[in-house]
Amino acid sequence: GLVQPGGSLTLSCTASRNIFRINTMNWYRQAPGKERELVASVTNA
């Protein structure tokens, strides 16, 4: 959504099934004219 500078926002992402295997869930972002970049990651551990 739209937020003012200094504000906060929470994104969520839900998978359609349970995740049992070794995995990493990540957030990437891509601004116009720029390459996609990795923002944050979290492992199953």
PDB file of all heavy atoms in Angstrom:
ATOM      1  N   GLY A   1       0.804  -1.198   0.000  1.00  0.00           N
ATOM      2  CA  GLY A   1       0.000   0.000   0.000  1.00  0.00           C
ATOM      3  C   GLY A   1       0.839   1.249   0.000  1.00  0.00           C
ATOM      4  O   GLY A   1       2.050   1.211  -0.218  1.00  0.00           O
ATOM      5  N   LEU A   2       0.180   2.369   0.262  1.00  0.00           N
ATOM      6  CA  LEU A   2       0.822   3.678   0.315  1.00  0.00           C
ATOM      7  C   LEU A   2       1.062   4.075   1.759  1.00  0.00           C
ATOM      8  O   LEU A   2       0.150   3.995   2.592  1.00  0.00           O
ATOM      9  CB  LEU A   2      -0.063   4.721  -0.375  1.00  0.00           C
ATOM     10  CG  LEU A   2       0.395   6.175  -0.314  1.00  0.00           C
ATOM     11  CD1 LEU A   2       1.709   6.353  -1.061  1.00  0.00           C
ATOM     12  CD2 LEU A   2      -0.683   7.077  -0.891  1.00  0.00           C
ATOM     13  N   VAL A   3       2.273   4.508   2.049  1.00  0.00           N
ATOM     14  CA  VAL A   3       2.618   4.928   3.399  1.00  0.00           C
ATOM     15  C   VAL A   3       3.533   6.143   3.328  1.00  0.00           C
ATOM     16  O   VAL A   3       4.298   6.296   2.379  1.00  0.00           O
ATOM     17  CB  VAL A   3       3.290   3.773   4.181  1.00  0.00           C
ATOM     18  CG1 VAL A   3       4.611   3.379   3.542  1.00  0.00           C
ATOM     19  CG2 VAL A   3       3.469   4.131   5.647  1.00  0.00           C
ATOM     20  N   GLN A   4       3.443   7.020   4.320  1.00  0.00           N
ATOM     21  CA  GLN A   4       4.287   8.203   4.369  1.00  0.00           C
ATOM     22  C   GLN A   4       5.689   7.861   4.863  1.00  0.00           C
ATOM     23  O   GLN A   4       5.878   6.885   5.586  1.00  0.00           O
ATOM     24  CB  GLN A   4       3.673   9.263   5.277  1.00  0.00           C
ATOM     25  CG  GLN A   4       2.360   9.818   4.774  1.00  0.00           C
ATOM     26  CD  GLN A   4       1.883  11.008   5.570  1.00  0.00           C
ATOM     27  OE1 GLN A   4       1.324  11.950   5.012  1.00  0.00           O
ATOM     28  NE2 GLN A   4       2.107  10.988   6.866  1.00  0.00           N
ATOM     29  N   PRO A   5       6.690   8.645   4.460  1.00  0.00           N
ATOM     30  CA  PRO A   5       8.036   8.416   4.987  1.00  0.00           C
ATOM     31  C   PRO A   5       8.036   8.375   6.507  1.00  0.00           C
ATOM     32  O   PRO A   5       7.373   9.184   7.161  1.00  0.00           O
ATOM     33  CB  PRO A   5       8.822   9.614   4.462  1.00  0.00           C
ATOM     34  CG  PRO A   5       8.108   9.994   3.211  1.00  0.00           C
ATOM     35  CD  PRO A   5       6.652   9.754   3.504  1.00  0.00           C
ATOM     36  N   GLY A   6       8.780   7.427   7.051  1.00  0.00           N
ATOM     37  CA  GLY A   6       8.815   7.227   8.484  1.00  0.00           C
ATOM     38  C   GLY A   6       7.758   6.280   9.002  1.00  0.00           C
ATOM     39  O   GLY A   6       7.804   5.883  10.178  1.00  0.00           O
ATOM     40  N   GLY A   7       6.832   5.916   8.156  1.00  0.00           N
ATOM     41  CA  GLY A   7       5.759   5.024   8.548  1.00  0.00           C
ATOM     42  C   GLY A   7       6.165   3.563   8.523  1.00  0.00           C
ATOM     43  O   GLY A   7       7.309   3.219   8.227  1.00  0.00           O
ATOM     44  N   SER A   8       5.197   2.711   8.824  1.00  0.00           N
ATOM     45  CA  SER A   8       5.426   1.277   8.892  1.00  0.00           C
ATOM     46  C   SER A   8       4.389   0.520   8.083  1.00  0.00           C
ATOM     47  O   SER A   8       3.271   0.999   7.863  1.00  0.00           O
ATOM     48  CB  SER A   8       5.374   0.787  10.342  1.00  0.00           C
ATOM     49  OG  SER A   8       6.386   1.381  11.132  1.00  0.00           O
ATOM     50  N   LEU A   9       4.777  -0.662   7.664  1.00  0.00           N
ATOM     51  CA  LEU A   9       3.895  -1.518   6.889  1.00  0.00           C
ATOM     52  C   LEU A   9       4.341  -2.958   7.098  1.00  0.00           C
ATOM     53  O   LEU A   9       5.537  -3.221   7.234  1.00  0.00           O
ATOM     54  CB  LEU A   9       3.982  -1.150   5.409  1.00  0.00           C
ATOM     55  CG  LEU A   9       2.818  -1.465   4.469  1.00  0.00           C
ATOM     56  CD1 LEU A   9       1.546  -0.761   4.927  1.00  0.00           C
ATOM     57  CD2 LEU A   9       3.176  -1.040   3.057  1.00  0.00           C
ATOM     58  N   THR A  10       3.390  -3.877   7.119  1.00  0.00           N
ATOM     59  CA  THR A  10       3.714  -5.290   7.250  1.00  0.00           C
ATOM     60  C   THR A  10       3.174  -6.061   6.057  1.00  0.00           C
ATOM     61  O   THR A  10       1.982  -5.987   5.742  1.00  0.00           O
ATOM     62  CB  THR A  10       3.124  -5.885   8.537  1.00  0.00           C
ATOM     63  OG1 THR A  10       3.674  -5.206   9.673  1.00  0.00           O
ATOM     64  CG2 THR A  10       3.465  -7.369   8.646  1.00  0.00           C
ATOM     65  N   LEU A  11       4.046  -6.792   5.396  1.00  0.00           N
ATOM     66  CA  LEU A  11       3.673  -7.650   4.294  1.00  0.00           C
ATOM     67  C   LEU A  11       3.539  -9.082   4.793  1.00  0.00           C
ATOM     68  O   LEU A  11       4.232  -9.496   5.723  1.00  0.00           O
ATOM     69  CB  LEU A  11       4.719  -7.613   3.184  1.00  0.00           C
ATOM     70  CG  LEU A  11       5.122  -6.240   2.649  1.00  0.00           C
ATOM     71  CD1 LEU A  11       6.145  -6.408   1.533  1.00  0.00           C
ATOM     72  CD2 LEU A  11       3.906  -5.464   2.177  1.00  0.00           C
ATOM     73  N   SER A  12       2.656  -9.836   4.171  1.00  0.00           N
ATOM     74  CA  SER A  12       2.533 -11.248   4.493  1.00  0.00           C
ATOM     75  C   SER A  12       2.486 -12.070   3.215  1.00  0.00           C
ATOM     76  O   SER A  12       2.089 -11.585   2.157  1.00  0.00           O
ATOM     77  CB  SER A  12       1.298 -11.526   5.348  1.00  0.00           C
ATOM     78  OG  SER A  12       0.111 -11.238   4.633  1.00  0.00           O
ATOM     79  N   CYS A  13       2.893 -13.310   3.332  1.00  0.00           N
ATOM     80  CA  CYS A  13       2.909 -14.229   2.199  1.00  0.00           C
ATOM     81  C   CYS A  13       2.568 -15.612   2.720  1.00  0.00           C
ATOM     82  O   CYS A  13       3.258 -16.133   3.604  1.00  0.00           O
ATOM     83  CB  CYS A  13       4.289 -14.220   1.541  1.00  0.00           C
ATOM     84  SG  CYS A  13       4.536 -15.486   0.277  1.00  0.00           S
ATOM     85  N   THR A  14       1.512 -16.203   2.172  1.00  0.00           N
ATOM     86  CA  THR A  14       1.044 -17.499   2.641  1.00  0.00           C
ATOM     87  C   THR A  14       1.170 -18.550   1.544  1.00  0.00           C
ATOM     88  O   THR A  14       0.716 -18.339   0.418  1.00  0.00           O
ATOM     89  CB  THR A  14      -0.418 -17.416   3.097  1.00  0.00           C
ATOM     90  OG1 THR A  14      -0.527 -16.473   4.175  1.00  0.00           O
ATOM     91  CG2 THR A  14      -0.906 -18.773   3.591  1.00  0.00           C
ATOM     92  N   ALA A  15       1.778 -19.667   1.883  1.00  0.00           N
ATOM     93  CA  ALA A  15       1.933 -20.781   0.957  1.00  0.00           C
ATOM     94  C   ALA A  15       0.691 -21.668   0.972  1.00  0.00           C
ATOM     95  O   ALA A  15       0.011 -21.801   1.996  1.00  0.00           O
ATOM     96  CB  ALA A  15       3.159 -21.605   1.315  1.00  0.00           C
ATOM     97  N   SER A  16       0.401 -22.285  -0.164  1.00  0.00           N
ATOM     98  CA  SER A  16      -0.810 -23.081  -0.324  1.00  0.00           C
ATOM     99  C   SER A  16      -0.746 -24.455   0.330  1.00  0.00           C
ATOM    100  O   SER A  16      -1.749 -25.155   0.396  1.00  0.00           O
ATOM    101  CB  SER A  16      -1.129 -23.253  -1.813  1.00  0.00           C
ATOM    102  OG  SER A  16      -0.089 -23.940  -2.476  1.00  0.00           O
ATOM    103  N   ARG A  17       0.405 -24.827   0.805  1.00  0.00           N
ATOM    104  CA  ARG A  17       0.564 -26.113   1.449  1.00  0.00           C
ATOM    105  C   ARG A  17       1.624 -26.016   2.533  1.00  0.00           C
ATOM    106  O   ARG A  17       2.409 -25.070   2.562  1.00  0.00           O
ATOM    107  CB  ARG A  17       0.945 -27.198   0.441  1.00  0.00           C
ATOM    108  CG  ARG A  17       2.162 -26.864  -0.415  1.00  0.00           C
ATOM    109  CD  ARG A  17       2.844 -28.096  -0.933  1.00  0.00           C
ATOM    110  NE  ARG A  17       3.547 -28.797   0.125  1.00  0.00           N
ATOM    111  CZ  ARG A  17       4.107 -29.999   0.013  1.00  0.00           C
ATOM    112  NH1 ARG A  17       4.023 -30.654  -1.137  1.00  0.00           N
ATOM    113  NH2 ARG A  17       4.744 -30.542   1.032  1.00  0.00           N
ATOM    114  N   ASN A  18       1.647 -27.015   3.402  1.00  0.00           N
ATOM    115  CA  ASN A  18       2.661 -27.060   4.436  1.00  0.00           C
ATOM    116  C   ASN A  18       4.036 -27.253   3.812  1.00  0.00           C
ATOM    117  O   ASN A  18       4.197 -27.968   2.825  1.00  0.00           O
ATOM    118  CB  ASN A  18       2.389 -28.187   5.423  1.00  0.00           C
ATOM    119  CG  ASN A  18       1.163 -27.950   6.260  1.00  0.00           C
ATOM    120  OD1 ASN A  18       0.695 -26.826   6.405  1.00  0.00           O
ATOM    121  ND2 ASN A  18       0.640 -29.021   6.839  1.00  0.00           N
ATOM    122  N   ILE A  19       5.023 -26.619   4.410  1.00  0.00           N
ATOM    123  CA  ILE A  19       6.391 -26.690   3.925  1.00  0.00           C
ATOM    124  C   ILE A  19       7.189 -27.560   4.887  1.00  0.00           C
ATOM    125  O   ILE A  19       7.441 -27.159   6.032  1.00  0.00           O
ATOM    126  CB  ILE A  19       7.017 -25.292   3.809  1.00  0.00           C
ATOM    127  CG1 ILE A  19       6.122 -24.378   2.971  1.00  0.00           C
ATOM    128  CG2 ILE A  19       8.422 -25.391   3.242  1.00  0.00           C
ATOM    129  CD1 ILE A  19       5.878 -24.864   1.570  1.00  0.00           C
ATOM    130  N   PHE A  20       7.584 -28.733   4.417  1.00  0.00           N
ATOM    131  CA  PHE A  20       8.302 -29.678   5.266  1.00  0.00           C
ATOM    132  C   PHE A  20       9.774 -29.804   4.925  1.00  0.00           C
ATOM    133  O   PHE A  20      10.577 -30.154   5.787  1.00  0.00           O
ATOM    134  CB  PHE A  20       7.653 -31.069   5.180  1.00  0.00           C
ATOM    135  CG  PHE A  20       6.230 -31.109   5.614  1.00  0.00           C
ATOM    136  CD1 PHE A  20       5.214 -31.353   4.708  1.00  0.00           C
ATOM    137  CD2 PHE A  20       5.899 -30.899   6.944  1.00  0.00           C
ATOM    138  CE1 PHE A  20       3.892 -31.396   5.108  1.00  0.00           C
ATOM    139  CE2 PHE A  20       4.579 -30.937   7.366  1.00  0.00           C
ATOM    140  CZ  PHE A  20       3.573 -31.187   6.445  1.00  0.00           C
ATOM    141  N   ARG A  21      10.123 -29.543   3.687  1.00  0.00           N
ATOM    142  CA  ARG A  21      11.495 -29.713   3.245  1.00  0.00           C
ATOM    143  C   ARG A  21      12.374 -28.542   3.666  1.00  0.00           C
ATOM    144  O   ARG A  21      11.884 -27.494   4.074  1.00  0.00           O
ATOM    145  CB  ARG A  21      11.542 -29.879   1.724  1.00  0.00           C
ATOM    146  CG  ARG A  21      10.851 -31.127   1.211  1.00  0.00           C
ATOM    147  CD  ARG A  21      10.888 -31.190  -0.302  1.00  0.00           C
ATOM    148  NE  ARG A  21      10.265 -32.403  -0.810  1.00  0.00           N
ATOM    149  CZ  ARG A  21      10.894 -33.535  -1.033  1.00  0.00           C
ATOM    150  NH1 ARG A  21      12.207 -33.628  -0.797  1.00  0.00           N
ATOM    151  NH2 ARG A  21      10.239 -34.583  -1.492  1.00  0.00           N
ATOM    152  N   ILE A  22      13.675 -28.768   3.563  1.00  0.00           N
ATOM    153  CA  ILE A  22      14.633 -27.707   3.830  1.00  0.00           C
ATOM    154  C   ILE A  22      14.337 -26.544   2.892  1.00  0.00           C
ATOM    155  O   ILE A  22      14.182 -26.741   1.684  1.00  0.00           O
ATOM    156  CB  ILE A  22      16.069 -28.209   3.627  1.00  0.00           C
ATOM    157  CG1 ILE A  22      16.390 -29.307   4.643  1.00  0.00           C
ATOM    158  CG2 ILE A  22      17.063 -27.065   3.745  1.00  0.00           C
ATOM    159  CD1 ILE A  22      17.713 -30.003   4.383  1.00  0.00           C
ATOM    160  N   ASN A  23      14.249 -25.359   3.448  1.00  0.00           N
ATOM    161  CA  ASN A  23      13.829 -24.233   2.630  1.00  0.00           C
ATOM    162  C   ASN A  23      14.246 -22.909   3.226  1.00  0.00           C
ATOM    163  O   ASN A  23      14.557 -22.806   4.412  1.00  0.00           O
ATOM    164  CB  ASN A  23      12.305 -24.241   2.438  1.00  0.00           C
ATOM    165  CG  ASN A  23      11.566 -23.947   3.722  1.00  0.00           C
ATOM    166  OD1 ASN A  23      11.295 -22.786   4.039  1.00  0.00           O
ATOM    167  ND2 ASN A  23      11.244 -24.991   4.477  1.00  0.00           N
ATOM    168  N   THR A  24      14.216 -21.905   2.366  1.00  0.00           N
ATOM    169  CA  THR A  24      14.391 -20.523   2.766  1.00  0.00           C
ATOM    170  C   THR A  24      13.248 -19.708   2.165  1.00  0.00           C
ATOM    171  O   THR A  24      12.929 -19.874   0.985  1.00  0.00           O
ATOM    172  CB  THR A  24      15.733 -19.963   2.276  1.00  0.00           C
ATOM    173  OG1 THR A  24      16.800 -20.723   2.849  1.00  0.00           O
ATOM    174  CG2 THR A  24      15.897 -18.507   2.677  1.00  0.00           C
ATOM    175  N   MET A  25      12.629 -18.869   2.962  1.00  0.00           N
ATOM    176  CA  MET A  25      11.632 -17.948   2.453  1.00  0.00           C
ATOM    177  C   MET A  25      12.239 -16.554   2.426  1.00  0.00           C
ATOM    178  O   MET A  25      12.912 -16.144   3.378  1.00  0.00           O
ATOM    179  CB  MET A  25      10.355 -17.982   3.286  1.00  0.00           C
ATOM    180  CG  MET A  25       9.670 -19.339   3.236  1.00  0.00           C
ATOM    181  SD  MET A  25       7.953 -19.330   3.814  1.00  0.00           S
ATOM    182  CE  MET A  25       7.130 -18.621   2.375  1.00  0.00           C
ATOM    183  N   ASN A  26      12.011 -15.876   1.329  1.00  0.00           N
ATOM    184  CA  ASN A  26      12.697 -14.620   1.066  1.00  0.00           C
ATOM    185  C   ASN A  26      11.722 -13.530   0.633  1.00  0.00           C
ATOM    186  O   ASN A  26      10.656 -13.806   0.082  1.00  0.00           O
ATOM    187  CB  ASN A  26      13.716 -14.799  -0.065  1.00  0.00           C
ATOM    188  CG  ASN A  26      14.618 -15.992   0.150  1.00  0.00           C
ATOM    189  OD1 ASN A  26      15.512 -15.946   0.997  1.00  0.00           O
ATOM    190  ND2 ASN A  26      14.401 -17.055  -0.608  1.00  0.00           N
ATOM    191  N   TRP A  27      12.130 -12.303   0.889  1.00  0.00           N
ATOM    192  CA  TRP A  27      11.469 -11.149   0.304  1.00  0.00           C
ATOM    193  C   TRP A  27      12.452 -10.455  -0.628  1.00  0.00           C
ATOM    194  O   TRP A  27      13.559 -10.115  -0.220  1.00  0.00           O
ATOM    195  CB  TRP A  27      10.981 -10.165   1.361  1.00  0.00           C
ATOM    196  CG  TRP A  27       9.785 -10.637   2.107  1.00  0.00           C
ATOM    197  CD1 TRP A  27       9.759 -11.214   3.335  1.00  0.00           C
ATOM    198  CD2 TRP A  27       8.420 -10.557   1.672  1.00  0.00           C
ATOM    199  NE1 TRP A  27       8.471 -11.503   3.700  1.00  0.00           N
ATOM    200  CE2 TRP A  27       7.628 -11.115   2.698  1.00  0.00           C
ATOM    201  CE3 TRP A  27       7.793 -10.070   0.523  1.00  0.00           C
ATOM    202  CZ2 TRP A  27       6.239 -11.202   2.600  1.00  0.00           C
ATOM    203  CZ3 TRP A  27       6.419 -10.159   0.429  1.00  0.00           C
ATOM    204  CH2 TRP A  27       5.657 -10.717   1.457  1.00  0.00           C
ATOM    205  N   TYR A  28      12.025 -10.281  -1.868  1.00  0.00           N
ATOM    206  CA  TYR A  28      12.754  -9.503  -2.854  1.00  0.00           C
ATOM    207  C   TYR A  28      11.959  -8.242  -3.157  1.00  0.00           C
ATOM    208  O   TYR A  28      10.763  -8.163  -2.892  1.00  0.00           O
ATOM    209  CB  TYR A  28      12.934 -10.285  -4.149  1.00  0.00           C
ATOM    210  CG  TYR A  28      13.928 -11.427  -4.097  1.00  0.00           C
ATOM    211  CD1 TYR A  28      13.583 -12.657  -3.556  1.00  0.00           C
ATOM    212  CD2 TYR A  28      15.205 -11.281  -4.632  1.00  0.00           C
ATOM    213  CE1 TYR A  28      14.486 -13.710  -3.530  1.00  0.00           C
ATOM    214  CE2 TYR A  28      16.111 -12.329  -4.615  1.00  0.00           C
ATOM    215  CZ  TYR A  28      15.745 -13.539  -4.066  1.00  0.00           C
ATOM    216  OH  TYR A  28      16.650 -14.580  -4.058  1.00  0.00           O
ATOM    217  N   ARG A  29      12.619  -7.273  -3.741  1.00  0.00           N
ATOM    218  CA  ARG A  29      11.914  -6.097  -4.229  1.00  0.00           C
ATOM    219  C   ARG A  29      12.530  -5.622  -5.533  1.00  0.00           C
ATOM    220  O   ARG A  29      13.706  -5.852  -5.800  1.00  0.00           O
ATOM    221  CB  ARG A  29      11.910  -4.963  -3.193  1.00  0.00           C
ATOM    222  CG  ARG A  29      13.264  -4.327  -2.935  1.00  0.00           C
ATOM    223  CD  ARG A  29      13.151  -3.301  -1.810  1.00  0.00           C
ATOM    224  NE  ARG A  29      14.424  -2.644  -1.544  1.00  0.00           N
ATOM    225  CZ  ARG A  29      14.635  -1.820  -0.524  1.00  0.00           C
ATOM    226  NH1 ARG A  29      13.646  -1.549   0.336  1.00  0.00           N
ATOM    227  NH2 ARG A  29      15.824  -1.261  -0.353  1.00  0.00           N
ATOM    228  N   GLN A  30      11.706  -4.960  -6.331  1.00  0.00           N
ATOM    229  CA  GLN A  30      12.164  -4.425  -7.595  1.00  0.00           C
ATOM    230  C   GLN A  30      11.522  -3.069  -7.833  1.00  0.00           C
ATOM    231  O   GLN A  30      10.300  -2.960  -7.913  1.00  0.00           O
ATOM    232  CB  GLN A  30      11.842  -5.372  -8.750  1.00  0.00           C
ATOM    233  CG  GLN A  30      12.450  -4.951 -10.066  1.00  0.00           C
ATOM    234  CD  GLN A  30      12.388  -6.046 -11.107  1.00  0.00           C
ATOM    235  OE1 GLN A  30      11.534  -6.922 -11.054  1.00  0.00           O
ATOM    236  NE2 GLN A  30      13.305  -5.995 -12.055  1.00  0.00           N
ATOM    237  N   ALA A  31      12.357  -2.060  -7.928  1.00  0.00           N
ATOM    238  CA  ALA A  31      11.904  -0.717  -8.247  1.00  0.00           C
ATOM    239  C   ALA A  31      11.979  -0.517  -9.754  1.00  0.00           C
ATOM    240  O   ALA A  31      12.759  -1.192 -10.438  1.00  0.00           O
ATOM    241  CB  ALA A  31      12.762   0.317  -7.530  1.00  0.00           C
ATOM    242  N   PRO A  32      11.186   0.407 -10.302  1.00  0.00           N
ATOM    243  CA  PRO A  32      11.214   0.651 -11.753  1.00  0.00           C
ATOM    244  C   PRO A  32      12.621   0.960 -12.251  1.00  0.00           C
ATOM    245  O   PRO A  32      13.321   1.789 -11.673  1.00  0.00           O
ATOM    246  CB  PRO A  32      10.294   1.859 -11.921  1.00  0.00           C
ATOM    247  CG  PRO A  32       9.343   1.763 -10.771  1.00  0.00           C
ATOM    248  CD  PRO A  32      10.182   1.245  -9.629  1.00  0.00           C
ATOM    249  N   GLY A  33      13.034   0.266 -13.306  1.00  0.00           N
ATOM    250  CA  GLY A  33      14.332   0.494 -13.899  1.00  0.00           C
ATOM    251  C   GLY A  33      15.503  -0.110 -13.152  1.00  0.00           C
ATOM    252  O   GLY A  33      16.650   0.098 -13.547  1.00  0.00           O
ATOM    253  N   LYS A  34      15.223  -0.843 -12.092  1.00  0.00           N
ATOM    254  CA  LYS A  34      16.287  -1.441 -11.295  1.00  0.00           C
ATOM    255  C   LYS A  34      16.155  -2.956 -11.257  1.00  0.00           C
ATOM    256  O   LYS A  34      15.091  -3.506 -11.512  1.00  0.00           O
ATOM    257  CB  LYS A  34      16.278  -0.876  -9.874  1.00  0.00           C
ATOM    258  CG  LYS A  34      16.549   0.612  -9.794  1.00  0.00           C
ATOM    259  CD  LYS A  34      16.603   1.088  -8.358  1.00  0.00           C
ATOM    260  CE  LYS A  34      16.912   2.576  -8.285  1.00  0.00           C
ATOM    261  NZ  LYS A  34      16.972   3.053  -6.878  1.00  0.00           N
ATOM    262  N   GLU A  35      17.250  -3.614 -10.931  1.00  0.00           N
ATOM    263  CA  GLU A  35      17.246  -5.059 -10.798  1.00  0.00           C
ATOM    264  C   GLU A  35      16.561  -5.479  -9.509  1.00  0.00           C
ATOM    265  O   GLU A  35      16.551  -4.747  -8.520  1.00  0.00           O
ATOM    266  CB  GLU A  35      18.673  -5.599 -10.820  1.00  0.00           C
ATOM    267  CG  GLU A  35      19.384  -5.451 -12.161  1.00  0.00           C
ATOM    268  CD  GLU A  35      18.749  -6.283 -13.238  1.00  0.00           C
ATOM    269  OE1 GLU A  35      18.412  -7.456 -12.973  1.00  0.00           O
ATOM    270  OE2 GLU A  35      18.585  -5.770 -14.361  1.00  0.00           O
ATOM    271  N   ARG A  36      15.993  -6.666  -9.543  1.00  0.00           N
ATOM    272  CA  ARG A  36      15.401  -7.222  -8.340  1.00  0.00           C
ATOM    273  C   ARG A  36      16.493  -7.508  -7.315  1.00  0.00           C
ATOM    274  O   ARG A  36      17.544  -8.053  -7.654  1.00  0.00           O
ATOM    275  CB  ARG A  36      14.633  -8.500  -8.689  1.00  0.00           C
ATOM    276  CG  ARG A  36      13.966  -9.179  -7.507  1.00  0.00           C
ATOM    277  CD  ARG A  36      12.912 -10.158  -7.958  1.00  0.00           C
ATOM    278  NE  ARG A  36      13.389 -11.038  -9.015  1.00  0.00           N
ATOM    279  CZ  ARG A  36      12.620 -11.865  -9.714  1.00  0.00           C
ATOM    280  NH1 ARG A  36      11.323 -11.920  -9.463  1.00  0.00           N
ATOM    281  NH2 ARG A  36      13.136 -12.622 -10.658  1.00  0.00           N
ATOM    282  N   GLU A  37      16.253  -7.146  -6.080  1.00  0.00           N
ATOM    283  CA  GLU A  37      17.236  -7.355  -5.034  1.00  0.00           C
ATOM    284  C   GLU A  37      16.636  -8.127  -3.867  1.00  0.00           C
ATOM    285  O   GLU A  37      15.447  -7.994  -3.555  1.00  0.00           O
ATOM    286  CB  GLU A  37      17.796  -6.016  -4.535  1.00  0.00           C
ATOM    287  CG  GLU A  37      16.782  -5.114  -3.857  1.00  0.00           C
ATOM    288  CD  GLU A  37      17.396  -3.880  -3.217  1.00  0.00           C
ATOM    289  OE1 GLU A  37      18.600  -3.910  -2.876  1.00  0.00           O
ATOM    290  OE2 GLU A  37      16.677  -2.882  -3.056  1.00  0.00           O
ATOM    291  N   LEU A  38      17.472  -8.910  -3.231  1.00  0.00           N
ATOM    292  CA  LEU A  38      17.064  -9.651  -2.046  1.00  0.00           C
ATOM    293  C   LEU A  38      17.054  -8.711  -0.854  1.00  0.00           C
ATOM    294  O   LEU A  38      18.058  -8.067  -0.553  1.00  0.00           O
ATOM    295  CB  LEU A  38      18.008 -10.822  -1.796  1.00  0.00           C
ATOM    296  CG  LEU A  38      17.744 -11.674  -0.552  1.00  0.00           C
ATOM    297  CD1 LEU A  38      16.366 -12.332  -0.631  1.00  0.00           C
ATOM    298  CD2 LEU A  38      18.832 -12.722  -0.390  1.00  0.00           C
ATOM    299  N   VAL A  39      15.923  -8.656  -0.169  1.00  0.00           N
ATOM    300  CA  VAL A  39      15.755  -7.766   0.968  1.00  0.00           C
ATOM    301  C   VAL A  39      16.002  -8.490   2.285  1.00  0.00           C
ATOM    302  O   VAL A  39      16.705  -7.991   3.160  1.00  0.00           O
ATOM    303  CB  VAL A  39      14.343  -7.146   0.975  1.00  0.00           C
ATOM    304  CG1 VAL A  39      14.116  -6.305   2.220  1.00  0.00           C
ATOM    305  CG2 VAL A  39      14.132  -6.316  -0.284  1.00  0.00           C
ATOM    306  N   ALA A  40      15.398  -9.663   2.428  1.00  0.00           N
ATOM    307  CA  ALA A  40      15.497 -10.405   3.677  1.00  0.00           C
ATOM    308  C   ALA A  40      15.195 -11.870   3.433  1.00  0.00           C
ATOM    309  O   ALA A  40      14.479 -12.219   2.495  1.00  0.00           O
ATOM    310  CB  ALA A  40      14.538  -9.843   4.726  1.00  0.00           C
ATOM    311  N   SER A  41      15.725 -12.730   4.275  1.00  0.00           N
ATOM    312  CA  SER A  41      15.477 -14.156   4.158  1.00  0.00           C
ATOM    313  C   SER A  41      15.397 -14.791   5.532  1.00  0.00           C
ATOM    314  O   SER A  41      15.973 -14.293   6.502  1.00  0.00           O
ATOM    315  CB  SER A  41      16.566 -14.837   3.328  1.00  0.00           C
ATOM    316  OG  SER A  41      17.833 -14.725   3.950  1.00  0.00           O
ATOM    317  N   VAL A  42      14.680 -15.896   5.598  1.00  0.00           N
ATOM    318  CA  VAL A  42      14.587 -16.674   6.824  1.00  0.00           C
ATOM    319  C   VAL A  42      14.549 -18.151   6.459  1.00  0.00           C
ATOM    320  O   VAL A  42      13.803 -18.563   5.570  1.00  0.00           O
ATOM    321  CB  VAL A  42      13.363 -16.266   7.679  1.00  0.00           C
ATOM    322  CG1 VAL A  42      12.057 -16.434   6.912  1.00  0.00           C
ATOM    323  CG2 VAL A  42      13.323 -17.055   8.978  1.00  0.00           C
ATOM    324  N   THR A  43      15.363 -18.955   7.123  1.00  0.00           N
ATOM    325  CA  THR A  43      15.416 -20.381   6.855  1.00  0.00           C
ATOM    326  C   THR A  43      14.371 -21.125   7.672  1.00  0.00           C
ATOM    327  O   THR A  43      13.735 -20.569   8.569  1.00  0.00           O
ATOM    328  CB  THR A  43      16.795 -20.958   7.184  1.00  0.00           C
ATOM    329  OG1 THR A  43      16.984 -20.962   8.606  1.00  0.00           O
ATOM    330  CG2 THR A  43      17.903 -20.145   6.528  1.00  0.00           C
ATOM    331  N   ASN A  44      14.213 -22.420   7.362  1.00  0.00           N
ATOM    332  CA  ASN A  44      13.286 -23.242   8.132  1.00  0.00           C
ATOM    333  C   ASN A  44      13.731 -23.365   9.584  1.00  0.00           C
ATOM    334  O   ASN A  44      12.912 -23.643  10.462  1.00  0.00           O
ATOM    335  CB  ASN A  44      13.139 -24.633   7.505  1.00  0.00           C
ATOM    336  CG  ASN A  44      14.465 -25.335   7.324  1.00  0.00           C
ATOM    337  OD1 ASN A  44      15.190 -25.087   6.368  1.00  0.00           O
ATOM    338  ND2 ASN A  44      14.799 -26.229   8.259  1.00  0.00           N
ATOM    339  N   ALA A  45      15.024 -23.162   9.819  1.00  0.00           N
ATOM    340  CA  ALA A  45      15.561 -23.209  11.171  1.00  0.00           C
ATOM    341  C   ALA A  45      15.462 -21.876  11.898  1.00  0.00           C
ATOM    342  O   ALA A  45      15.794 -21.798  13.079  1.00  0.00           O
ATOM    343  CB  ALA A  45      17.011 -23.674  11.147  1.00  0.00           C
TER     344      ALA A  45
END
